[in-house]
Protein backbone atom coordinates (compact mmCIF):
# COMPACT_ATOMS: atom_id res chain seq x y z
CA UNK A 1 71.84 75.03 102.56
CA UNK A 2 72.36 72.07 100.17
CA UNK A 3 73.20 72.07 96.65
CA UNK A 4 70.49 74.31 94.72
CA UNK A 5 67.81 72.18 92.78
CA UNK A 6 67.47 72.58 89.13
CA UNK A 7 63.98 73.70 87.81
CA UNK A 8 62.79 70.29 87.21
CA UNK A 9 63.51 69.24 90.72
CA UNK A 10 61.93 72.31 92.19
CA UNK A 11 58.75 71.69 90.20
CA UNK A 12 58.58 68.15 91.09
CA UNK A 13 58.75 69.08 94.74
CA UNK A 14 56.07 71.77 94.27
CA UNK A 15 53.64 69.14 92.77
CA UNK A 16 54.57 66.52 95.62
CA UNK A 17 53.80 69.34 98.21
CA UNK A 18 50.42 70.38 96.46
CA UNK A 19 49.56 66.48 96.24
CA UNK A 20 49.76 66.33 100.07
CA UNK A 21 48.38 69.86 101.18
CA UNK A 22 46.27 70.90 98.06
CA UNK A 23 47.17 74.46 99.06
CA UNK A 24 50.60 76.12 99.25
CA UNK A 25 51.82 79.51 100.13
CA UNK A 26 54.65 81.20 98.34
CA UNK A 27 56.58 81.40 101.84
CA UNK A 28 56.03 77.79 102.53
CA UNK A 29 57.45 76.73 99.13
CA UNK A 30 60.47 79.05 99.54
CA UNK A 31 61.25 77.23 102.82
CA UNK A 32 60.81 73.81 101.22
CA UNK A 33 62.91 74.66 98.19
CA UNK A 34 65.39 76.93 99.75
CA UNK A 35 65.06 79.42 97.12
CA UNK A 36 63.73 83.03 96.53
CA UNK A 37 60.29 84.33 95.97
CA UNK A 38 60.98 85.16 92.27
CA UNK A 39 62.07 81.81 91.73
CA UNK A 40 59.11 80.26 93.21
CA UNK A 41 56.90 82.60 91.28
CA UNK A 42 58.44 81.53 88.02
CA UNK A 43 57.95 77.78 88.83
CA UNK A 44 54.44 78.33 89.86
CA UNK A 45 53.76 80.27 86.56
CA UNK A 46 55.36 77.38 84.48
CA UNK A 47 53.24 74.80 86.28
CA UNK A 48 50.09 76.78 85.85
CA UNK A 49 50.74 76.98 82.19
CA UNK A 50 51.10 73.21 82.12
CA UNK A 51 47.90 72.88 83.96
CA UNK A 52 49.16 71.29 87.28
CA UNK A 53 48.04 74.07 89.55
CA UNK A 54 46.11 77.40 89.66
CA UNK A 55 47.99 80.42 91.19
CA UNK A 56 46.19 82.45 93.83
CA UNK A 57 47.18 85.48 95.87
CA UNK A 58 50.15 84.46 97.73
CA UNK A 59 50.49 80.94 96.55
CA UNK A 60 48.77 78.20 94.64
CA UNK A 61 46.17 75.35 94.76
CA UNK A 62 46.23 72.04 93.22
CA UNK A 63 44.28 71.87 89.84
CA UNK A 64 41.94 68.76 90.46
CA UNK A 65 40.44 67.83 87.33
CA UNK A 66 36.95 66.01 87.69
CA UNK A 67 36.68 64.10 84.59
CA UNK A 68 33.45 62.04 85.05
CA UNK A 69 29.96 62.30 87.10
CA UNK A 70 29.77 59.54 89.76
CA UNK A 71 26.50 57.95 90.46
CA UNK A 72 24.42 59.86 92.88
CA UNK A 73 24.80 57.10 95.63
CA UNK A 74 28.59 57.08 95.25
CA UNK A 75 28.65 60.96 95.90
CA UNK A 76 26.40 60.79 98.76
CA UNK A 77 29.01 58.96 100.57
CA UNK A 78 31.67 61.68 100.44
CA UNK A 79 31.61 63.99 103.48
CA UNK A 80 28.01 63.23 104.48
CA UNK A 81 28.08 65.09 107.72
CA UNK A 82 29.55 68.13 106.21
CA UNK A 83 26.80 68.25 103.42
CA UNK A 84 24.25 67.86 106.01
CA UNK A 85 25.38 70.94 108.20
CA UNK A 86 26.11 72.83 104.80
CA UNK A 87 22.60 72.11 103.63
CA UNK A 88 21.10 73.34 107.11
CA UNK A 89 23.14 76.66 107.02
CA UNK A 90 22.25 77.21 103.46
CA UNK A 91 18.62 76.70 103.91
CA UNK A 92 18.52 79.05 106.96
CA UNK A 93 19.35 81.76 104.37
CA UNK A 94 15.90 81.27 102.89
CA UNK A 95 13.38 83.99 104.18
CA UNK A 96 9.70 84.28 104.19
CA UNK A 97 8.39 85.41 100.62
CA UNK A 98 11.44 84.07 98.91
CA UNK A 99 11.31 82.42 95.45
CA UNK A 100 14.31 80.09 95.33
CA UNK A 101 16.07 77.86 92.75
CA UNK A 102 17.77 74.90 93.86
CA UNK A 103 19.63 72.34 91.53
CA UNK A 104 20.44 68.57 91.69
CA UNK A 105 23.31 66.97 93.61
CA UNK A 106 23.78 65.57 97.17
CA UNK A 107 24.43 68.91 98.89
CA UNK A 108 21.47 70.58 97.21
CA UNK A 109 19.38 67.78 98.33
CA UNK A 110 20.29 68.52 101.98
CA UNK A 111 19.41 72.05 101.38
CA UNK A 112 15.98 71.07 100.28
CA UNK A 113 15.60 68.76 103.47
CA UNK A 114 16.11 71.68 105.65
CA UNK A 115 14.03 74.53 104.28
CA UNK A 116 11.82 75.91 106.92
CA UNK A 117 8.09 74.87 106.66
CA UNK A 118 6.64 78.13 105.56
CA UNK A 119 3.78 78.46 103.11
CA UNK A 120 5.43 81.76 101.85
CA UNK A 121 8.52 80.18 100.43
CA UNK A 122 8.37 78.85 97.01
CA UNK A 123 11.10 76.51 95.59
CA UNK A 124 11.60 75.29 91.96
CA UNK A 125 14.09 72.51 91.51
CA UNK A 126 15.25 69.85 89.16
CA UNK A 127 16.27 67.65 92.10
CA UNK A 128 14.40 64.39 92.18
CA UNK A 129 16.54 62.86 94.95
CA UNK A 130 14.85 65.07 97.60
CA UNK A 131 11.41 64.00 96.82
CA UNK A 132 11.61 60.33 97.99
CA UNK A 133 11.44 61.25 101.78
CA UNK A 134 10.37 64.95 101.86
CA UNK A 135 6.69 64.16 102.46
CA UNK A 136 4.69 67.47 102.79
CA UNK A 137 7.38 70.13 102.51
CA UNK A 138 5.47 72.77 104.20
CA UNK A 139 6.43 75.17 101.39
CA UNK A 140 5.58 75.48 97.64
CA UNK A 141 7.55 72.97 95.86
CA UNK A 142 7.75 73.00 91.91
CA UNK A 143 9.67 70.48 89.76
CA UNK A 144 11.11 72.08 86.61
CA UNK A 145 10.04 69.12 84.59
CA UNK A 146 12.34 67.62 81.76
CA UNK A 147 14.13 64.61 80.79
CA UNK A 148 15.23 62.35 83.57
CA UNK A 149 18.83 62.10 84.22
CA UNK A 150 19.56 58.71 85.89
CA UNK A 151 23.18 59.18 87.06
CA UNK A 152 22.21 62.41 88.96
CA UNK A 153 18.63 61.52 89.72
CA UNK A 154 17.58 64.81 88.22
CA UNK A 155 15.65 66.56 85.49
CA UNK A 156 17.11 68.53 82.57
CA UNK A 157 16.79 69.20 78.84
CA UNK A 158 14.94 71.66 76.84
CA UNK A 159 11.65 71.19 78.81
CA UNK A 160 13.32 72.12 81.90
CA UNK A 161 15.21 75.12 80.32
CA UNK A 162 11.91 76.59 78.86
CA UNK A 163 10.03 75.99 82.21
CA UNK A 164 12.77 78.01 84.21
CA UNK A 165 12.48 80.84 81.64
CA UNK A 166 8.84 81.44 83.07
CA UNK A 167 10.12 82.21 86.57
CA UNK A 168 12.24 84.79 88.20
CA UNK A 169 13.74 83.83 91.51
CA UNK A 170 15.30 86.29 94.17
CA UNK A 171 17.77 83.56 95.50
CA UNK A 172 19.53 80.52 93.80
CA UNK A 173 21.21 77.95 96.03
CA UNK A 174 23.31 75.72 93.97
CA UNK A 175 25.58 72.73 94.39
CA UNK A 176 28.64 72.34 92.07
CA UNK A 177 31.54 69.90 91.49
CA UNK A 178 34.27 72.47 91.19
CA UNK A 179 35.08 76.04 92.46
CA UNK A 180 38.18 77.65 90.89
CA UNK A 181 39.36 81.40 90.85
CA UNK A 182 40.46 80.91 87.26
CA UNK A 183 37.74 78.38 85.89
CA UNK A 184 34.84 79.41 87.94
CA UNK A 185 31.96 77.24 88.88
CA UNK A 186 31.79 73.78 86.97
CA UNK A 187 29.66 70.69 86.73
CA UNK A 188 30.13 67.35 85.29
CA UNK A 189 27.43 67.26 82.56
CA UNK A 190 26.19 69.66 79.98
CA UNK A 191 22.50 68.96 80.66
CA UNK A 192 22.97 70.09 84.24
CA UNK A 193 25.13 72.88 83.27
CA UNK A 194 22.46 74.15 81.00
CA UNK A 195 19.92 74.03 83.99
CA UNK A 196 22.41 75.96 86.43
CA UNK A 197 23.11 78.63 83.86
CA UNK A 198 19.46 79.23 83.13
CA UNK A 199 18.87 79.31 87.01
CA UNK A 200 21.57 82.01 87.58
CA UNK A 201 20.26 83.92 84.53
CA UNK A 202 16.81 84.02 86.07
CA UNK A 203 17.90 85.07 89.59
CA UNK A 204 17.41 88.64 90.35
CA UNK A 205 19.05 88.42 93.83
CA UNK A 206 21.55 86.35 95.51
CA UNK A 207 23.55 83.55 93.98
CA UNK A 208 24.60 81.03 96.83
CA UNK A 209 26.96 78.09 96.20
CA UNK A 210 26.52 75.24 98.74
CA UNK A 211 29.69 72.99 98.56
CA UNK A 212 32.09 71.30 100.77
CA UNK A 213 35.70 71.95 101.00
CA UNK A 214 36.74 69.30 98.56
CA UNK A 215 35.35 71.32 95.71
CA UNK A 216 37.75 74.08 96.11
CA UNK A 217 40.46 73.95 93.37
CA UNK A 218 38.44 71.17 91.37
CA UNK A 219 37.65 71.73 87.95
CA UNK A 220 34.71 69.74 86.37
CA UNK A 221 33.78 69.27 82.57
CA UNK A 222 31.19 72.28 82.01
CA UNK A 223 31.48 75.87 83.03
CA UNK A 224 28.41 77.48 84.56
CA UNK A 225 29.54 80.72 86.04
CA UNK A 226 32.48 82.83 86.92
CA UNK A 227 33.56 83.43 90.61
CA UNK A 228 32.26 86.96 90.14
CA UNK A 229 28.91 85.71 89.58
CA UNK A 230 28.32 84.22 92.87
CA UNK A 231 27.54 86.12 96.10
CA UNK A 232 28.00 83.64 98.98
CA UNK A 233 29.75 80.39 99.46
CA UNK A 234 28.34 78.05 102.33
CA UNK A 235 30.86 75.40 103.06
CA UNK A 236 32.50 73.58 106.02
CA UNK A 237 35.21 74.18 108.62
CA UNK A 238 37.68 72.42 106.33
CA UNK A 239 37.65 75.13 103.78
CA UNK A 240 41.07 76.96 103.49
CA UNK A 241 41.40 80.31 105.22
CA UNK A 242 43.63 81.35 102.43
CA UNK A 243 40.74 80.71 100.12
CA UNK A 244 38.37 82.71 102.18
CA UNK A 245 40.70 85.85 101.68
CA UNK A 246 41.05 85.04 97.83
CA UNK A 247 37.33 84.91 97.52
CA UNK A 248 36.79 88.00 99.52
CA UNK A 249 38.96 89.90 96.93
CA UNK A 250 36.02 88.77 94.52
CA UNK A 251 33.41 90.15 96.84
CA UNK A 252 32.22 86.58 97.76
CA UNK A 253 31.22 86.11 101.26
CA UNK A 254 32.17 82.54 102.90
CA UNK A 255 29.85 81.12 105.52
CA UNK A 256 31.28 78.20 107.33
CA UNK A 257 28.92 75.57 108.75
CA UNK A 258 30.18 73.95 112.13
CA UNK A 259 29.07 70.79 113.57
CA UNK A 260 27.19 71.21 117.05
CA UNK A 261 29.03 70.18 120.02
């Protein structure tokens, strides 16, 4: 064992480790730092207070701050294959007779593209992107109405909010920009946050989040719900097994979409 590291050195190494791995187990950090579990826990607590990370059961995740909303086309280029199979799996959870809320975003668009053609399915959405090439959807499709949001290619505002208040859904399938045990579900703009909160409020059944693995540990600008308010997460195989266990402790079921061989 080398010379013991001072606290500032240990914390710098923890940050470097998380920058590379995004997730760290306490046991791994004990090995890297050559120190005790109690010392690692104290360092993680200090770093969490400073906003660098978020502690989880058995370790920590990098606190990734999402500070702006990218243009829709930019976001569409991130993990396109993962989003496609996530959308397909999430859409398969829709059953005959369902009334479903779906919001805007690139993953939510993939959900809309994969909904079964069934006239006894009804969907309410503020997502404009899906309409360009959806054609005859084969199910009942309603737009919320509202003010056009150019960056996200969606509808929001008071008109959308009020119209959603006329409907009760039995499922909501929602895309978000951040999922955090501490900070919950977050999105980049207040207009979208208002729509998503309203959708959750008017859902009398399961709230399903569809998001790729990069959203874990990310925190965007506006809170829409706590972790305990979602029932399922549909994600891809890159999602951490440690995170699956953390979410299970909050009664959230994780479904992983896998690419077909």
